[in-house]
Protein backbone atom coordinates (compact mmCIF):
# COMPACT_ATOMS: atom_id res chain seq x y z
CA MET A 1 1.01 40.51 7.13
CA GLU A 2 -1.45 37.75 8.20
CA GLN A 3 0.23 34.42 8.94
CA LEU A 4 -0.94 31.62 6.63
CA LYS A 5 -1.08 27.93 7.45
CA PHE A 6 0.85 25.22 5.62
CA HIS A 7 -1.25 22.61 3.88
CA PRO A 8 0.06 19.04 4.45
CA VAL A 9 0.76 18.64 0.74
CA SER A 10 3.24 21.53 0.95
CA GLU A 11 5.43 19.47 3.28
CA ILE A 12 5.82 16.25 1.30
CA PHE A 13 9.09 17.49 -0.22
CA PRO A 14 12.14 17.66 2.08
CA SER A 15 12.90 20.87 3.93
CA MET A 16 15.48 23.21 2.48
CA PRO A 17 18.87 23.02 4.26
CA PRO A 18 19.58 26.06 6.49
CA ALA A 19 22.35 27.38 4.23
CA GLU A 20 20.08 27.26 1.17
CA PHE A 21 17.27 28.94 3.09
CA ASP A 22 19.59 31.74 4.22
CA ALA A 23 20.64 32.21 0.59
CA LEU A 24 16.94 32.37 -0.42
CA VAL A 25 16.27 35.05 2.22
CA ALA A 26 19.24 37.08 0.95
CA ASP A 27 18.07 36.77 -2.67
CA ILE A 28 14.50 37.82 -1.84
CA THR A 29 15.81 40.72 0.24
CA ALA A 30 17.90 41.93 -2.71
CA ASN A 31 15.64 41.08 -5.65
CA GLY A 32 12.16 40.47 -4.30
CA LEU A 33 10.12 37.29 -4.75
CA ARG A 34 10.78 35.83 -8.19
CA GLU A 35 8.16 33.06 -8.12
CA PRO A 36 4.71 33.46 -6.53
CA ILE A 37 3.39 31.30 -3.70
CA HIS A 38 0.43 29.00 -4.41
CA ILE A 39 -2.39 29.13 -1.84
CA MET A 40 -5.83 27.63 -1.37
CA GLY A 41 -8.04 29.23 1.22
CA ASP A 42 -5.81 30.30 4.11
CA SER A 43 -3.18 27.63 3.47
CA VAL A 44 0.07 27.60 1.50
CA VAL A 45 -0.05 24.72 -0.97
CA ASP A 46 3.36 25.29 -2.58
CA GLY A 47 6.17 27.65 -1.57
CA ARG A 48 6.45 27.31 2.21
CA HIS A 49 10.15 28.20 2.08
CA ARG A 50 9.51 31.25 -0.11
CA TYR A 51 6.71 32.34 2.22
CA ARG A 52 8.87 32.02 5.34
CA ALA A 53 11.73 33.79 3.57
CA CYS A 54 9.43 36.70 2.66
CA LEU A 55 8.35 37.01 6.30
CA GLN A 56 11.96 37.00 7.47
CA ALA A 57 13.06 39.46 4.79
CA GLY A 58 10.09 41.77 5.36
CA VAL A 59 9.07 41.47 1.69
CA GLU A 60 5.41 41.38 0.67
CA PRO A 61 4.78 37.93 -0.86
CA GLN A 62 2.96 37.44 -4.13
CA PHE A 63 0.28 34.75 -4.34
CA VAL A 64 -1.43 32.58 -6.93
CA VAL A 65 -4.84 31.25 -5.85
CA VAL A 66 -5.27 27.58 -6.72
CA PRO A 67 -8.76 26.91 -8.16
CA ASP A 68 -11.15 24.59 -6.35
CA GLY A 69 -11.00 21.02 -7.60
CA THR A 70 -7.30 21.20 -8.50
CA ASP A 71 -5.29 18.00 -8.00
CA LEU A 72 -2.96 19.40 -5.37
CA ASN A 73 -0.69 16.37 -5.40
CA ALA A 74 -0.05 16.62 -9.13
CA LEU A 75 0.40 20.40 -8.89
CA VAL A 76 2.95 20.32 -6.06
CA ILE A 77 4.89 17.43 -7.57
CA SER A 78 5.03 19.11 -10.96
CA LEU A 79 6.22 22.44 -9.54
CA ASN A 80 8.85 20.93 -7.24
CA LEU A 81 10.28 18.40 -9.67
CA ARG A 82 10.77 21.27 -12.10
CA ARG A 83 12.60 23.40 -9.54
CA ARG A 84 14.50 20.80 -7.54
CA HIS A 85 16.94 18.15 -8.70
CA LEU A 86 16.19 15.10 -6.56
CA ASN A 87 17.72 11.64 -6.89
CA GLU A 88 15.65 8.45 -6.86
CA SER A 89 15.99 7.96 -3.10
CA GLN A 90 14.81 11.50 -2.39
CA ARG A 91 11.86 11.09 -4.76
CA SER A 92 11.01 7.80 -3.06
CA MET A 93 10.80 9.58 0.30
CA VAL A 94 8.46 12.14 -1.25
CA ALA A 95 6.32 9.32 -2.65
CA ALA A 96 6.16 7.57 0.74
CA ARG A 97 5.15 10.80 2.49
CA LEU A 98 2.48 11.36 -0.13
CA GLU A 99 1.22 7.81 0.32
CA THR A 100 1.16 7.80 4.12
CA ARG A 101 0.23 11.35 5.09
CA ASP A 102 -3.16 11.88 6.76
CA LEU A 103 -5.10 13.26 3.79
CA GLY A 104 -8.49 12.95 5.46
CA ARG A 105 -7.96 14.96 8.62
CA PRO A 106 -10.52 17.72 9.24
CA HIS A 107 -9.90 21.10 7.66
CA LYS A 108 -12.27 24.05 7.62
CA ASN A 109 -11.84 24.33 3.84
CA ALA A 110 -13.59 21.28 2.37
CA ASN A 111 -11.61 21.67 -0.84
CA LEU A 112 -8.50 20.49 1.00
CA HIS A 113 -9.81 16.95 1.55
CA HIS A 114 -8.31 14.26 -0.65
CA LEU A 115 -8.57 10.49 -0.83
CA PRO A 116 -5.55 8.32 0.06
CA ILE A 117 -3.26 7.52 -2.84
CA SER A 118 -2.09 4.03 -3.76
CA ARG A 119 1.58 3.04 -3.78
CA ALA A 120 1.38 2.31 -7.50
CA HIS A 121 0.04 5.81 -8.14
CA VAL A 122 2.68 7.66 -6.10
CA SER A 123 5.39 5.52 -7.71
CA GLU A 124 4.20 6.63 -11.12
CA LEU A 125 3.90 10.29 -10.07
CA LEU A 126 7.47 10.39 -8.73
CA ASN A 127 8.95 8.05 -11.36
CA VAL A 128 10.29 5.51 -8.86
CA SER A 129 9.71 1.80 -8.27
CA THR A 130 7.17 0.53 -5.75
CA ARG A 131 10.06 -1.26 -4.03
CA SER A 132 11.81 2.07 -3.46
CA VAL A 133 8.59 3.52 -2.02
CA ALA A 134 8.30 0.50 0.29
CA ASN A 135 11.88 1.10 1.46
CA ALA A 136 11.11 4.78 2.06
CA ALA A 137 7.95 3.89 4.00
CA LYS A 138 10.04 1.61 6.22
CA VAL A 139 12.45 4.48 6.88
CA LEU A 140 9.63 6.90 7.73
CA GLN A 141 8.09 4.34 10.08
CA ASP A 142 11.16 3.08 11.95
CA GLY A 143 14.07 5.33 10.97
CA ALA A 144 15.80 7.74 13.31
CA PRO A 145 15.26 11.42 12.41
CA GLU A 146 18.95 11.62 11.50
CA LEU A 147 18.53 8.74 9.04
CA ILE A 148 15.46 10.31 7.43
CA ASP A 149 17.31 13.60 7.11
CA ALA A 150 20.37 11.92 5.55
CA ILE A 151 18.24 10.27 2.85
CA GLU A 152 16.27 13.43 2.13
CA ARG A 153 19.56 15.32 1.75
CA GLY A 154 20.69 12.72 -0.77
CA ALA A 155 23.52 11.50 1.45
CA VAL A 156 22.26 7.92 1.96
CA ALA A 157 20.47 5.58 -0.46
CA VAL A 158 16.93 4.64 0.54
CA SER A 159 17.77 0.93 0.15
CA THR A 160 20.55 1.31 2.73
CA GLY A 161 18.21 3.38 4.90
CA ALA A 162 15.59 0.60 4.91
CA ASP A 163 18.21 -1.88 6.13
CA LEU A 164 19.39 0.52 8.83
CA ALA A 165 15.79 1.23 9.90
CA ARG A 166 15.52 -2.38 11.02
CA LEU A 167 18.17 -1.71 13.67
CA PRO A 168 17.71 0.02 17.06
CA LEU A 169 17.67 3.82 16.91
CA ASP A 170 21.00 4.17 18.72
CA THR A 171 22.61 1.76 16.25
CA GLN A 172 21.21 3.77 13.34
CA ARG A 173 22.81 6.90 14.73
CA GLU A 174 26.12 5.11 15.19
CA ALA A 175 26.05 4.06 11.53
CA LEU A 176 25.57 7.69 10.50
CA ALA A 177 28.67 8.70 12.45
CA ARG A 178 30.54 7.81 9.26
CA THR A 179 29.86 10.08 6.32
CA PRO A 180 28.55 8.50 3.11
CA GLN A 181 31.85 9.42 1.46
CA GLU A 182 33.75 7.46 4.13
CA ILE A 183 31.48 4.44 3.69
CA ARG A 184 31.92 4.51 -0.08
CA ALA A 185 35.70 4.85 0.30
CA ILE A 186 35.84 1.84 2.62
CA ALA A 187 33.67 -0.19 0.24
CA GLN A 188 35.98 0.83 -2.61
CA ASP A 189 38.98 -0.32 -0.60
CA VAL A 190 37.33 -3.69 0.00
CA GLY A 191 36.49 -3.99 -3.68
CA ASN A 192 40.01 -3.06 -4.74
CA ARG A 193 41.57 -5.66 -2.46
CA ILE A 194 39.30 -8.38 -3.78
CA GLN A 195 39.69 -7.20 -7.36
CA SER A 196 43.45 -7.52 -7.07
CA ALA A 197 42.82 -11.18 -6.23
CA GLY A 198 40.52 -11.66 -9.20
CA VAL A 199 36.99 -10.68 -8.07
CA VAL A 200 35.01 -7.54 -7.30
CA GLY A 201 31.73 -6.42 -5.84
CA GLN A 202 29.41 -8.85 -4.10
CA SER A 203 32.16 -11.44 -3.81
CA ALA A 204 33.61 -9.16 -1.13
CA VAL A 205 30.41 -8.71 0.87
CA ARG A 206 31.35 -11.26 3.51
CA ILE A 207 35.11 -11.09 3.43
CA PHE A 208 35.94 -7.57 4.56
CA ASP A 209 36.46 -8.30 8.27
CA GLU A 210 40.10 -7.26 7.96
CA VAL A 211 39.18 -3.88 6.51
CA ALA A 212 36.38 -3.46 9.05
CA GLN A 213 38.85 -4.05 11.87
CA GLU A 214 41.41 -1.68 10.38
CA THR A 215 38.87 1.10 9.98
CA GLY A 216 37.00 0.47 13.24
CA LEU A 217 33.61 -0.15 11.64
CA ASP A 218 30.80 -1.08 14.00
CA GLY A 219 28.05 -3.50 12.98
CA ALA A 220 25.73 -0.89 11.48
CA GLN A 221 28.54 0.71 9.49
CA GLN A 222 29.53 -2.71 8.16
CA LEU A 223 25.93 -3.08 7.01
CA ALA A 224 26.20 0.17 5.08
CA VAL A 225 29.43 -1.01 3.41
CA VAL A 226 27.79 -4.33 2.53
CA GLN A 227 24.92 -2.45 0.89
CA VAL A 228 27.34 -0.47 -1.29
CA LEU A 229 28.99 -3.72 -2.37
CA LYS A 230 25.65 -5.41 -3.00
CA ASP A 231 24.55 -2.54 -5.23
CA GLN A 232 27.32 -3.51 -7.64
CA ALA A 233 25.40 -6.76 -8.26
CA ILE A 234 28.46 -8.83 -9.13
CA PRO A 235 27.83 -12.60 -8.86
CA LEU A 236 29.68 -14.75 -6.36
CA PRO A 237 32.55 -16.89 -7.66
CA THR A 238 32.20 -20.64 -8.06
CA PRO A 239 33.63 -22.77 -5.22
CA MET A 240 36.67 -23.65 -7.35
CA GLU A 241 37.23 -19.99 -8.25
CA ALA A 242 36.79 -18.96 -4.62
CA LYS A 243 39.47 -21.45 -3.53
CA ARG A 244 41.84 -20.14 -6.21
CA ILE A 245 41.28 -16.54 -5.13
CA ALA A 246 41.86 -17.43 -1.48
CA SER A 247 45.02 -19.36 -2.33
CA GLU A 248 46.46 -16.46 -4.34
CA GLY A 249 45.41 -13.77 -1.90
CA ALA A 250 46.76 -12.55 1.39
CA LYS A 251 47.19 -14.95 4.29
CA GLY A 252 43.91 -15.64 6.02
CA LEU A 253 41.76 -14.39 3.11
CA LEU A 254 38.29 -15.96 3.13
CA VAL A 255 36.13 -15.88 0.01
CA LEU A 256 32.39 -16.52 -0.07
CA GLY A 257 31.52 -18.79 -2.97
CA SER A 258 28.30 -19.39 -4.87
CA ASP A 259 27.81 -22.54 -2.77
CA GLY A 260 27.29 -20.34 0.31
CA CYS A 261 30.51 -21.53 1.94
CA TYR A 262 33.69 -19.65 2.74
CA HIS A 263 36.87 -20.84 1.09
CA THR A 264 40.42 -20.22 2.20
CA ALA A 265 43.90 -21.20 1.20
CA PRO A 266 45.26 -24.53 2.50
CA GLY A 267 46.74 -24.08 5.93
CA ASP A 268 46.34 -25.24 9.49
CA PRO A 269 43.30 -27.58 9.27
CA ASP A 270 42.32 -26.88 12.88
CA GLU A 271 42.47 -23.11 12.39
CA ASN A 272 40.50 -23.36 9.16
CA ALA A 273 37.90 -25.50 10.89
CA ARG A 274 37.59 -23.03 13.78
CA MET A 275 37.14 -20.15 11.36
CA GLN A 276 34.48 -22.02 9.42
CA GLN A 277 32.67 -22.83 12.68
CA TRP A 278 32.70 -19.14 13.65
CA LEU A 279 31.31 -18.11 10.29
CA ASN A 280 28.57 -20.72 10.51
CA LEU A 281 27.70 -19.57 14.03
CA ARG A 282 27.62 -15.95 12.91
CA GLU A 283 25.30 -16.76 10.03
CA GLY A 284 23.01 -18.59 12.45
CA LEU A 285 22.90 -15.93 15.16
CA GLU A 286 22.59 -12.79 13.03
CA PRO A 287 19.18 -13.64 11.48
CA LEU A 288 17.78 -14.52 14.92
CA ALA A 289 18.98 -11.21 16.37
CA LYS A 290 17.27 -9.27 13.58
CA LEU A 291 13.78 -10.79 13.94
CA LYS A 292 11.29 -7.95 14.43
CA PHE A 293 8.28 -9.92 15.65
CA SER A 294 7.43 -11.42 19.02
CA ALA A 295 7.64 -15.08 20.00
CA ASN A 296 3.83 -15.15 20.13
CA GLU A 297 3.66 -13.94 16.54
CA ALA A 298 6.33 -16.44 15.52
CA PHE A 299 4.39 -19.26 17.15
CA ALA A 300 1.18 -18.26 15.38
CA SER A 301 2.94 -18.18 12.00
CA ILE A 302 4.14 -21.81 12.08
CA PRO A 303 2.11 -23.94 9.62
CA PRO A 304 0.82 -27.29 10.87
CA TYR A 305 2.87 -29.33 8.41
CA GLN A 306 6.09 -27.85 9.88
CA GLN A 307 5.39 -28.88 13.47
CA LYS A 308 7.79 -31.82 13.47
CA ASN A 309 10.58 -29.73 11.92
CA VAL A 310 10.13 -26.93 14.44
CA THR A 311 10.11 -29.44 17.30
CA ASP A 312 13.37 -30.95 16.06
CA TRP A 313 15.01 -27.57 15.49
CA LEU A 314 14.06 -26.24 18.92
CA SER A 315 15.14 -29.42 20.72
CA SER A 316 18.59 -28.96 19.17
CA ALA A 317 18.94 -25.18 19.08
CA VAL A 318 17.58 -24.19 22.51
CA PRO A 319 19.99 -26.28 24.65
CA TYR A 320 22.83 -25.21 22.35
CA LEU A 321 21.97 -21.49 22.72
CA ASN A 322 21.49 -21.82 26.48
CA GLN A 323 24.92 -23.42 26.87
CA LEU A 324 26.56 -20.85 24.57
CA ASN A 325 24.91 -17.99 26.46
CA SER A 326 26.09 -19.43 29.77
CA LEU A 327 29.69 -19.76 28.55
CA TRP A 328 29.62 -16.25 27.06
CA SER A 329 28.16 -14.73 30.22
CA GLN A 330 30.79 -16.39 32.41
CA ALA A 331 33.64 -15.22 30.15
CA HIS A 332 32.34 -11.64 29.92
CA ALA A 333 30.77 -11.13 33.33
């Protein structure tokens, strides 16, 4: 049996998990190939798993020759969406692969050349939003292989994956040390605790430090929990409501209000002030740590009319950060 090549379009859908592939080999061994493999020239266009399973099972594969001029993208998408039940995140990954794959690379069969496809077109083909495709493209560009695999298996939402892809690769892998079920359970616990005090969902995004400490969540895992809570799209409470919730809740409960401030029950003014200072510092440092462009690029992006503001900000922030870094380094040398 002559070995065929795999056309790039045959690989835009996620690979079959090993257990499913073993089951496919067993089925083909017992019952033969139920659905033919689509080929064009000497390349498999659709059915790479069935083809490999036939080779492993020693079963002669059956082929359907795809006519010249066929829209291979539409054909493969139609066949796979009919056979496979993919969620929106998985379809978004397919769309991003379809959008970004090298469709113009040389191939001895001229019929296999195709023009690049726009994001709007692949979004329509896969029935997903362009935002989801953008998230998937971010994952494919910067995501760890383990993160890509988790999304393509349907274990992680592509929106969460895009946030994780902005982190270092090691941090991404640490986040995946918790299963999606564990992350959802922790988010549910956070939501339940806040709901018992009168709010749910996004109101809890910034007030789950206690749960994070109890469960040993690292920074990336906290990000995943935050994303689950954000997906509930519950508005933040008003400042007055946030104060009420904090007053009626457990000791030390902090509630983020719609004014962007944290509210807590009346208590030790000095302790409350220290906690507020820490939260303000955290909100200032985190965005800086997540910037993904160089200082040269940052400098070039500053518009002329903002020069005075930037001068003032730097004159205040740089000495402050230098002093904080010095104190931190001395304490944790």
